[in-house]
Amino acid sequence: MTEDRTREPRTSARLSAEARKPNRSDLWLVAALTVGSLIFAVLYEGSGFWEFKAPLWVVCVLSIAVTVPLLWRRRFPNFVAWLITTLYVTAQILQMMEPGVSQIVLFTSVYAIGAFRYSQRAAFISRCLLCLAILIYVIVSAALQFQDLGDLTFVQFAAATGVTFLINTVFFGGAWLFGNRAWKQRRLLEELRAANEEVREQEQQLTRQALDLERVRIARELHDGVAHHIAGVGIHAAAARRSLEKNPDKAKESLQVIESSTRETVDELRALVYTLRDTDSSTDVTAATDATAASGGQTAERPADTATAASTKGNPGLGDLPELIESARRFDQTVEYTTIGAPRPLTPITEMSIYRVIQESLTNCSRYAGASAEVDVRLRYGSTDLEVEVSDTRSAGRPASAAPDSVQADSGLRSTSEGLGLGIVGMRERMNALGGSLEAGPKSRGGWIVRARIPYPRSTAGHLSPESPAKAST
């Protein structure tokens, strides 16, 4: 019987050509059924329980012939089912087939029509015709037996015929229903797999878009920072030109400032432009995985008033931190701000990056730690770098489900409905671009901590004084 390969939308769950090829499990199934059929044939012949009208070797050959076609039941389900049914019925009429394992082979072939169909219509028509052929065979057999009742009464014959009809109905009906069930389960699995792939693609796309937006913002801030440097260079260049003849020492000082400022500008440009151009790096490819597993599900969302204030005032710096702290306190958080060590002169890009790290961390504390949380913000001016630390202590009544995503990721209970971790990704990119580092994770005693280290600019690092014990708190 020819295969109908028409595709029916919304109703067909077609297998790929590779999936329809015989595999190792098919070989094991056919081998087991073949061996079982041969064993049954030998036992029936030896015990005389079932009378064969052919030599044993013919019965064994037919057992093999009726089982081997199951190897191709995925590729040609209709043809295989009709072939096996024809061999089975013919062998049963001629009494050359053992009735045990061969019935399992027949059941499997009818089941395959529904489970591995190419078309729902073709499968339905094929099984209807197959059941009709079996029904005709049963009726003809009953009629032949009725002509030779022997010692059986009519009631006994009717009962035996009814049992035969019921057995065949259950047999082929079960193969029909189980085949449909397998096909529906495969279709559901394919739909779930397709939906999962679509969700993953959308998540990756959203991640790439968020990172691109973050890079655009960094580029805008970089432009403003470079403009600040260039403006200073212009002022000192004008001062050097005017004092070159009358005050060479003053001109030399201005030229030194120009040299230092241009070097800082070149360093910042080289670091940040390299980061902005590295769109094919592992950060883009594995941003969601890295941010979720290592950094937590903290997003780039910020309180509206804080973001608006920062955007209206231009590029923020360390001088804007008190206002940022007060803004966080308006959300009923207890925020302690501490500066340790003697402040060092920093470039605008460095100050802005530190501000963004603290801003993002406070936003995440507000979102995950909740109201009434205690937050500590510390700036430590070390001998070679500046350390920023923001930690929170979750209140006793805060539910565990409100923890950052990375806490849930570490415990294997991460909720995919929470953030993608893009806030941490943006902070880490800022620190890496300036030669620093960032760590984020849960504290051993509860809560969350973000620690960033950023080296001092070249001009500051070259004239560092011993660290002062000075300490300021707000």
Protein backbone atom coordinates (compact mmCIF):
# COMPACT_ATOMS: atom_id res chain seq x y z
CA MET A 1 0.00 0.00 0.00
CA THR A 2 1.45 3.35 -1.02
CA GLU A 3 2.31 5.96 1.62
CA ASP A 4 0.38 9.24 1.72
CA ARG A 5 3.03 11.82 2.61
CA THR A 6 0.78 14.88 2.53
CA ARG A 7 1.37 17.29 5.39
CA GLU A 8 -1.66 18.22 7.40
CA PRO A 9 -1.30 21.43 9.41
CA ARG A 10 -1.92 21.26 13.16
CA THR A 11 -2.52 17.50 13.03
CA SER A 12 0.71 15.88 11.86
CA ALA A 13 3.80 15.30 13.94
CA ARG A 14 6.10 14.02 11.25
CA LEU A 15 9.39 12.41 12.08
CA SER A 16 12.56 13.44 10.33
CA ALA A 17 14.13 11.12 7.78
CA GLU A 18 16.91 10.33 10.24
CA ALA A 19 14.44 9.45 13.02
CA ARG A 20 12.63 7.02 10.72
CA LYS A 21 15.73 4.94 10.06
CA PRO A 22 16.13 1.67 11.99
CA ASN A 23 18.13 2.18 15.17
CA ARG A 24 19.70 -0.06 17.77
CA SER A 25 16.50 -0.37 19.80
CA ASP A 26 14.67 -1.62 16.70
CA LEU A 27 17.33 -4.28 16.17
CA TRP A 28 17.02 -5.47 19.76
CA LEU A 29 13.21 -5.55 19.52
CA VAL A 30 13.19 -7.55 16.29
CA ALA A 31 15.85 -9.92 17.62
CA ALA A 32 13.90 -10.54 20.83
CA LEU A 33 10.62 -11.16 19.00
CA THR A 34 12.31 -13.43 16.46
CA VAL A 35 13.99 -15.55 19.13
CA GLY A 36 10.74 -15.69 21.10
CA SER A 37 8.76 -16.80 18.06
CA LEU A 38 11.31 -19.51 17.24
CA ILE A 39 11.26 -20.79 20.83
CA PHE A 40 7.45 -20.92 20.79
CA ALA A 41 7.47 -22.78 17.47
CA VAL A 42 9.89 -25.40 18.80
CA LEU A 43 7.91 -25.81 22.03
CA TYR A 44 4.60 -26.13 20.21
CA GLU A 45 6.10 -28.71 17.85
CA GLY A 46 7.68 -30.71 20.66
CA SER A 47 4.65 -30.73 22.92
CA GLY A 48 2.09 -31.37 20.20
CA PHE A 49 -0.08 -28.65 21.72
CA TRP A 50 -0.40 -26.89 18.36
CA GLU A 51 -0.53 -28.93 15.17
CA PHE A 52 1.53 -27.57 12.27
CA LYS A 53 0.83 -28.65 8.70
CA ALA A 54 4.37 -27.87 7.60
CA PRO A 55 7.90 -28.88 8.65
CA LEU A 56 9.41 -27.11 11.62
CA TRP A 57 11.99 -25.31 9.48
CA VAL A 58 9.20 -23.77 7.39
CA VAL A 59 7.49 -22.55 10.55
CA CYS A 60 10.80 -21.04 11.74
CA VAL A 61 11.36 -19.30 8.38
CA LEU A 62 7.86 -17.81 8.56
CA SER A 63 8.51 -16.65 12.14
CA ILE A 64 11.57 -14.78 10.92
CA ALA A 65 9.79 -13.43 7.83
CA VAL A 66 6.87 -12.01 9.81
CA THR A 67 9.12 -10.31 12.39
CA VAL A 68 11.97 -8.75 10.35
CA PRO A 69 9.75 -6.14 8.58
CA LEU A 70 9.29 -4.39 11.93
CA LEU A 71 12.70 -2.83 11.35
CA TRP A 72 11.11 -0.49 8.80
CA ARG A 73 7.84 0.18 10.64
CA ARG A 74 8.85 3.83 11.22
CA ARG A 75 9.68 4.51 7.58
CA PHE A 76 6.85 2.51 5.95
CA PRO A 77 4.24 1.96 8.68
CA ASN A 78 1.31 1.20 6.36
CA PHE A 79 3.24 -1.16 4.07
CA VAL A 80 4.84 -3.04 6.97
CA ALA A 81 1.49 -3.47 8.75
CA TRP A 82 -0.20 -4.86 5.64
CA LEU A 83 2.74 -7.12 4.84
CA ILE A 84 2.87 -8.60 8.35
CA THR A 85 -0.92 -8.97 8.50
CA THR A 86 -0.95 -10.78 5.14
CA LEU A 87 1.84 -13.15 6.19
CA TYR A 88 0.22 -13.76 9.58
CA VAL A 89 -3.29 -14.50 8.24
CA THR A 90 -1.98 -16.69 5.42
CA ALA A 91 0.24 -18.67 7.78
CA GLN A 92 -2.61 -19.10 10.26
CA ILE A 93 -4.96 -20.40 7.54
CA LEU A 94 -2.30 -22.86 6.43
CA GLN A 95 -1.44 -23.64 10.08
CA MET A 96 2.23 -22.82 9.59
CA MET A 97 2.61 -20.07 12.25
CA GLU A 98 2.89 -20.30 16.01
CA PRO A 99 0.05 -18.26 17.62
CA GLY A 100 2.01 -16.76 20.54
CA VAL A 101 4.71 -14.19 19.78
CA SER A 102 3.42 -13.68 16.24
CA GLN A 103 0.36 -11.94 17.70
CA ILE A 104 2.66 -9.44 19.45
CA VAL A 105 4.35 -8.77 16.10
CA LEU A 106 0.95 -8.18 14.49
CA PHE A 107 -0.09 -5.83 17.31
CA THR A 108 3.14 -3.84 16.97
CA SER A 109 2.69 -3.41 13.22
CA VAL A 110 -0.88 -2.10 13.60
CA TYR A 111 0.26 0.17 16.43
CA ALA A 112 2.99 1.60 14.17
CA ILE A 113 0.41 2.86 11.66
CA GLY A 114 -0.87 5.37 14.18
CA ALA A 115 2.36 6.08 16.03
CA PHE A 116 4.54 6.78 12.98
CA ARG A 117 1.97 8.05 10.51
CA TYR A 118 2.74 10.41 7.66
CA SER A 119 -0.86 11.58 7.44
CA GLN A 120 -3.79 11.25 9.80
CA ARG A 121 -6.17 10.56 6.93
CA ALA A 122 -3.94 7.87 5.41
CA ALA A 123 -3.53 6.20 8.80
CA PHE A 124 -7.28 6.21 9.41
CA ILE A 125 -8.13 4.74 6.00
CA SER A 126 -5.36 2.14 6.23
CA ARG A 127 -6.48 0.90 9.64
CA CYS A 128 -10.13 0.85 8.63
CA LEU A 129 -9.35 -1.31 5.60
CA LEU A 130 -7.08 -3.52 7.68
CA CYS A 131 -9.74 -4.08 10.35
CA LEU A 132 -12.32 -4.74 7.62
CA ALA A 133 -10.04 -7.37 6.08
CA ILE A 134 -9.57 -9.04 9.47
CA LEU A 135 -13.34 -8.93 10.04
CA ILE A 136 -13.95 -10.64 6.70
CA TYR A 137 -11.35 -13.26 7.60
CA VAL A 138 -13.03 -13.95 10.95
CA ILE A 139 -16.48 -14.20 9.32
CA VAL A 140 -15.23 -16.59 6.63
CA SER A 141 -13.49 -18.71 9.25
CA ALA A 142 -16.64 -18.83 11.35
CA ALA A 143 -18.70 -19.83 8.33
CA LEU A 144 -16.31 -22.66 7.48
CA GLN A 145 -16.36 -23.86 11.06
CA PHE A 146 -20.16 -23.72 11.09
CA GLN A 147 -20.27 -26.26 8.27
CA ASP A 148 -18.39 -28.71 10.43
CA LEU A 149 -19.64 -28.27 13.98
CA GLY A 150 -18.75 -31.78 15.07
CA ASP A 151 -19.65 -32.30 18.74
CA LEU A 152 -20.30 -28.54 19.32
CA THR A 153 -23.85 -27.34 19.76
CA PHE A 154 -25.04 -24.16 18.08
CA VAL A 155 -24.92 -22.28 21.39
CA GLN A 156 -21.31 -23.33 21.96
CA PHE A 157 -20.40 -22.32 18.44
CA ALA A 158 -22.08 -18.94 18.86
CA ALA A 159 -20.25 -18.39 22.16
CA ALA A 160 -16.89 -19.35 20.65
CA THR A 161 -17.50 -17.04 17.68
CA GLY A 162 -18.47 -14.19 20.02
CA VAL A 163 -15.28 -14.66 22.02
CA THR A 164 -13.28 -14.55 18.79
CA PHE A 165 -14.95 -11.30 17.75
CA LEU A 166 -14.37 -9.73 21.17
CA ILE A 167 -10.72 -10.76 21.25
CA ASN A 168 -10.09 -9.29 17.80
CA THR A 169 -11.98 -6.13 18.69
CA VAL A 170 -9.91 -5.59 21.83
CA PHE A 171 -6.70 -6.56 20.04
CA PHE A 172 -6.99 -4.24 17.04
CA GLY A 173 -8.85 -1.55 18.97
CA GLY A 174 -6.03 -1.43 21.52
CA ALA A 175 -3.41 -1.19 18.77
CA TRP A 176 -5.44 1.66 17.21
CA LEU A 177 -5.86 3.61 20.48
CA PHE A 178 -2.28 3.14 21.69
CA GLY A 179 -0.94 4.22 18.29
CA ASN A 180 -2.99 7.42 18.40
CA ARG A 181 -1.85 8.06 21.96
CA ALA A 182 1.81 7.71 21.01
CA TRP A 183 1.35 10.08 18.08
CA LYS A 184 -0.38 12.71 20.24
CA GLN A 185 2.37 12.48 22.87
CA ARG A 186 5.01 12.96 20.17
CA ARG A 187 3.15 15.97 18.79
CA LEU A 188 2.89 17.48 22.28
CA LEU A 189 6.60 16.87 22.85
CA GLU A 190 7.48 18.56 19.56
CA GLU A 191 5.31 21.56 20.42
CA LEU A 192 6.94 21.88 23.84
CA ARG A 193 10.39 21.57 22.30
CA ALA A 194 9.57 24.24 19.70
CA ALA A 195 8.16 26.53 22.39
CA ASN A 196 11.25 26.01 24.52
CA GLU A 197 13.52 26.87 21.59
CA GLU A 198 11.48 29.99 20.88
CA VAL A 199 11.71 31.09 24.51
CA ARG A 200 15.47 30.55 24.49
CA GLU A 201 15.86 32.54 21.28
CA GLN A 202 13.77 35.39 22.66
CA GLU A 203 15.74 35.38 25.90
CA GLN A 204 19.02 35.54 24.00
CA GLN A 205 17.65 38.30 21.80
CA LEU A 206 16.50 40.32 24.82
CA THR A 207 19.89 39.79 26.43
CA ARG A 208 21.72 41.01 23.33
CA GLN A 209 19.42 44.03 23.05
CA ALA A 210 19.90 44.94 26.70
CA LEU A 211 23.67 44.65 26.38
CA ASP A 212 23.65 46.73 23.22
CA LEU A 213 21.62 49.42 24.99
CA GLU A 214 24.05 49.33 27.89
CA ARG A 215 26.97 49.72 25.50
CA VAL A 216 25.27 52.66 23.81
CA ARG A 217 24.84 54.35 27.17
CA ILE A 218 28.46 53.65 28.09
CA ALA A 219 29.49 55.10 24.74
CA ARG A 220 27.45 58.25 25.41
CA GLU A 221 28.99 58.61 28.84
CA LEU A 222 32.42 57.97 27.36
CA HIS A 223 31.83 60.77 24.89
CA ASP A 224 30.94 63.16 27.69
CA GLY A 225 33.98 62.10 29.72
CA VAL A 226 36.32 62.57 26.76
CA ALA A 227 34.75 65.95 26.11
CA HIS A 228 35.62 66.89 29.69
CA HIS A 229 39.25 65.90 29.13
CA ILE A 230 39.47 67.72 25.81
CA ALA A 231 37.98 70.87 27.31
CA GLY A 232 40.64 70.81 30.03
CA VAL A 233 43.35 70.18 27.46
CA GLY A 234 42.13 73.19 25.48
CA ILE A 235 42.23 75.46 28.53
CA HIS A 236 45.73 74.39 29.54
CA ALA A 237 46.96 74.61 25.95
CA ALA A 238 45.75 78.19 25.75
CA ALA A 239 47.40 78.97 29.09
CA ALA A 240 50.68 77.40 27.91
CA ARG A 241 50.61 79.40 24.68
CA ARG A 242 50.11 82.69 26.51
CA SER A 243 52.75 82.05 29.18
CA LEU A 244 55.31 80.31 26.98
CA GLU A 245 57.58 83.39 26.65
CA LYS A 246 56.82 85.29 29.86
CA ASN A 247 56.49 82.38 32.31
CA PRO A 248 58.12 79.16 30.99
CA ASP A 249 57.60 77.36 34.30
CA LYS A 250 53.85 78.00 34.12
CA ALA A 251 53.81 76.84 30.51
CA LYS A 252 55.70 73.68 31.49
CA GLU A 253 53.18 72.96 34.21
CA SER A 254 50.31 73.38 31.76
CA LEU A 255 52.00 71.07 29.26
CA GLN A 256 52.46 68.43 31.96
CA VAL A 257 48.76 68.64 32.75
CA ILE A 258 47.99 68.29 29.04
CA GLU A 259 50.27 65.25 28.76
CA SER A 260 48.73 63.56 31.79
CA SER A 261 45.18 64.32 30.68
CA THR A 262 45.72 63.06 27.15
CA ARG A 263 47.29 59.84 28.41
CA GLU A 264 44.33 59.23 30.68
CA THR A 265 41.98 59.93 27.81
CA VAL A 266 43.80 57.51 25.51
CA ASP A 267 43.80 54.81 28.20
CA GLU A 268 40.08 55.19 28.81
CA LEU A 269 39.32 55.28 25.10
CA ARG A 270 41.36 52.16 24.41
CA ALA A 271 39.71 50.20 27.22
CA LEU A 272 36.11 51.26 26.67
CA VAL A 273 36.14 51.28 22.87
CA TYR A 274 37.60 47.75 22.89
CA THR A 275 34.74 46.65 25.14
CA LEU A 276 32.12 48.38 23.02
CA ARG A 277 33.44 46.85 19.80
CA ASP A 278 33.72 43.34 21.23
CA THR A 279 30.12 42.44 20.32
CA ASP A 280 30.99 38.80 19.50
CA SER A 281 32.65 38.10 22.83
CA SER A 282 31.55 35.46 25.29
CA THR A 283 29.72 38.18 27.20
CA ASP A 284 27.10 38.38 24.47
CA VAL A 285 26.87 34.65 23.88
CA THR A 286 26.71 33.53 27.52
CA ALA A 287 25.37 36.67 29.19
CA ALA A 288 22.17 35.10 30.44
CA THR A 289 23.89 31.95 31.73
CA ASP A 290 26.79 33.80 33.35
CA ALA A 291 24.56 36.48 34.85
CA THR A 292 22.07 33.99 36.22
CA ALA A 293 24.42 31.33 37.59
CA ALA A 294 27.21 33.59 38.84
CA SER A 295 25.62 36.99 39.47
CA GLY A 296 21.96 36.55 40.20
CA GLY A 297 18.79 37.69 38.52
CA GLN A 298 19.37 41.40 39.14
CA THR A 299 18.05 43.56 36.36
CA ALA A 300 18.89 46.96 35.02
CA GLU A 301 15.72 48.51 36.38
CA ARG A 302 16.15 51.62 38.54
CA PRO A 303 13.85 53.84 40.56
CA ALA A 304 12.32 56.46 38.35
CA ASP A 305 13.37 59.45 40.43
CA THR A 306 17.00 58.33 40.68
CA ALA A 307 17.34 57.69 36.96
CA THR A 308 15.66 60.99 36.13
CA ALA A 309 17.87 62.94 38.50
CA ALA A 310 21.01 61.39 37.07
CA SER A 311 19.96 62.06 33.48
CA THR A 312 19.04 65.71 34.10
CA LYS A 313 22.32 66.52 35.89
CA GLY A 314 24.57 64.97 33.27
CA ASN A 315 27.23 62.41 34.07
CA PRO A 316 27.15 61.65 37.81
CA GLY A 317 30.22 61.38 40.01
CA LEU A 318 31.19 60.72 43.61
CA GLY A 319 29.82 64.13 44.58
CA ASP A 320 26.35 62.90 43.68
CA LEU A 321 26.50 59.90 46.03
CA PRO A 322 24.89 61.67 49.03
CA GLU A 323 21.87 62.52 46.88
CA LEU A 324 21.72 58.90 45.66
CA ILE A 325 21.87 57.64 49.25
CA GLU A 326 19.03 59.95 50.27
CA SER A 327 17.01 58.76 47.32
CA ALA A 328 17.46 55.15 48.49
CA ARG A 329 16.45 56.08 52.03
CA ARG A 330 13.15 57.41 50.73
CA PHE A 331 12.29 53.76 49.98
CA ASP A 332 12.34 53.01 53.75
CA GLN A 333 15.78 51.46 53.61
CA THR A 334 18.41 52.03 56.27
CA VAL A 335 21.51 53.00 54.28
CA GLU A 336 24.88 53.64 55.93
CA TYR A 337 27.47 55.35 53.74
CA THR A 338 31.11 55.16 54.83
CA THR A 339 34.32 56.43 53.23
CA ILE A 340 37.54 54.82 54.45
CA GLY A 341 40.95 56.25 53.63
CA ALA A 342 42.06 59.51 52.10
CA PRO A 343 40.14 60.33 48.90
CA ARG A 344 42.19 60.29 45.69
CA PRO A 345 41.66 62.32 42.56
CA LEU A 346 39.75 60.24 39.99
CA THR A 347 38.83 60.71 36.36
CA PRO A 348 35.21 61.47 35.44
CA ILE A 349 34.84 58.05 33.78
CA THR A 350 36.05 56.32 36.95
CA GLU A 351 33.73 58.33 39.20
CA MET A 352 30.79 57.72 36.90
CA SER A 353 31.46 53.95 36.83
CA ILE A 354 31.61 53.83 40.64
CA TYR A 355 28.39 55.80 40.83
CA ARG A 356 26.66 53.38 38.46
CA VAL A 357 27.78 50.36 40.48
CA ILE A 358 26.40 51.84 43.70
CA GLN A 359 23.21 52.96 41.96
CA GLU A 360 22.56 49.50 40.49
CA SER A 361 23.35 47.78 43.80
CA LEU A 362 20.98 50.02 45.77
CA THR A 363 18.24 49.37 43.24
CA ASN A 364 18.70 45.62 43.60
CA CYS A 365 18.69 45.93 47.39
CA SER A 366 15.37 47.76 47.18
CA ARG A 367 13.92 45.12 44.87
CA TYR A 368 15.13 41.92 46.54
CA ALA A 369 15.92 42.83 50.15
CA GLY A 370 12.71 44.85 50.46
CA ALA A 371 11.75 47.68 52.73
CA SER A 372 13.32 48.02 56.19
CA ALA A 373 16.48 46.34 54.93
CA GLU A 374 19.84 47.47 56.29
CA VAL A 375 22.27 48.44 53.55
CA ASP A 376 25.95 49.31 53.98
CA VAL A 377 27.82 51.29 51.30
CA ARG A 378 31.59 51.57 51.74
CA LEU A 379 34.30 53.28 49.72
CA ARG A 380 37.83 52.16 50.62
CA TYR A 381 40.72 54.12 49.19
CA GLY A 382 43.58 51.63 49.17
CA SER A 383 47.18 52.02 48.14
CA THR A 384 46.67 50.87 44.55
CA ASP A 385 42.93 50.72 43.95
CA LEU A 386 39.55 51.85 45.14
CA GLU A 387 37.15 49.26 46.55
CA VAL A 388 33.40 49.72 46.49
CA GLU A 389 31.26 47.43 48.67
CA VAL A 390 27.48 47.39 48.89
CA SER A 391 25.87 44.78 51.15
CA ASP A 392 22.38 44.27 52.52
CA THR A 393 20.87 42.30 55.37
CA ARG A 394 17.44 40.90 54.59
CA SER A 395 14.83 41.50 57.24
CA ALA A 396 13.56 38.53 59.25
CA GLY A 397 10.13 38.57 57.64
CA ARG A 398 11.43 38.67 54.06
CA PRO A 399 10.36 35.53 52.13
CA ALA A 400 13.01 33.41 50.51
CA SER A 401 11.39 33.78 47.12
CA ALA A 402 12.42 37.41 47.07
CA ALA A 403 16.10 36.58 47.07
CA PRO A 404 18.18 37.41 44.00
CA ASP A 405 18.09 34.86 41.23
CA SER A 406 21.62 33.70 41.82
CA VAL A 407 20.75 32.57 45.33
CA GLN A 408 18.02 30.42 43.85
CA ALA A 409 20.38 29.29 41.11
CA ASP A 410 22.90 28.08 43.67
CA SER A 411 20.21 26.08 45.44
CA GLY A 412 18.74 24.74 42.22
CA LEU A 413 15.47 26.64 42.72
CA ARG A 414 15.90 29.62 40.45
CA SER A 415 12.66 31.09 39.11
CA THR A 416 12.83 31.85 35.42
CA SER A 417 10.17 34.52 35.80
CA GLU A 418 12.60 36.85 37.57
CA GLY A 419 15.34 38.97 36.03
CA LEU A 420 17.95 38.02 33.47
CA GLY A 421 20.89 39.37 35.49
CA LEU A 422 21.70 42.16 33.04
CA GLY A 423 22.40 44.72 35.78
CA ILE A 424 25.35 42.68 37.04
CA VAL A 425 26.52 42.17 33.46
CA GLY A 426 26.58 45.94 32.90
CA MET A 427 28.49 46.59 36.13
CA ARG A 428 31.02 43.88 35.34
CA GLU A 429 31.60 45.28 31.85
CA ARG A 430 32.21 48.74 33.31
CA MET A 431 34.77 47.41 35.76
CA ASN A 432 36.52 45.20 33.20
CA ALA A 433 36.75 48.07 30.74
CA LEU A 434 38.70 50.15 33.29
CA GLY A 435 40.92 47.27 34.40
CA GLY A 436 38.95 46.48 37.53
CA SER A 437 36.88 43.55 38.74
CA LEU A 438 33.48 42.88 40.26
CA GLU A 439 32.19 40.14 42.53
CA ALA A 440 28.58 39.52 43.49
CA GLY A 441 27.00 36.79 45.55
CA PRO A 442 25.18 35.80 48.73
CA LYS A 443 26.72 36.36 52.14
CA SER A 444 27.24 33.46 54.50
CA ARG A 445 25.03 35.07 57.16
CA GLY A 446 22.25 36.05 54.76
CA GLY A 447 21.84 38.93 52.40
CA TRP A 448 23.72 39.97 49.30
CA ILE A 449 27.04 41.67 48.65
CA VAL A 450 28.55 43.43 45.64
CA ARG A 451 32.26 44.23 45.75
CA ALA A 452 34.05 46.13 42.98
CA ARG A 453 37.72 47.04 42.72
CA ILE A 454 39.02 49.60 40.26
CA PRO A 455 42.64 50.75 39.93
CA TYR A 456 43.51 54.41 40.24
CA PRO A 457 44.18 56.39 37.06
CA ARG A 458 47.78 56.73 35.94
CA SER A 459 48.16 60.28 37.22
CA THR A 460 46.83 59.31 40.64
CA ALA A 461 48.82 56.06 40.86
CA GLY A 462 52.05 57.89 40.19
CA HIS A 463 51.65 60.27 43.12
CA LEU A 464 50.04 58.11 45.79
CA SER A 465 50.60 59.00 49.41
CA PRO A 466 50.41 56.53 52.27
CA GLU A 467 46.87 55.52 53.09
CA SER A 468 45.28 57.75 55.64
CA PRO A 469 43.15 56.39 58.46
CA ALA A 470 40.58 59.07 57.81
CA LYS A 471 37.01 57.80 57.91
CA ALA A 472 33.80 59.61 57.05
CA SER A 473 30.24 58.34 57.44
CA THR A 474 26.82 59.59 56.59
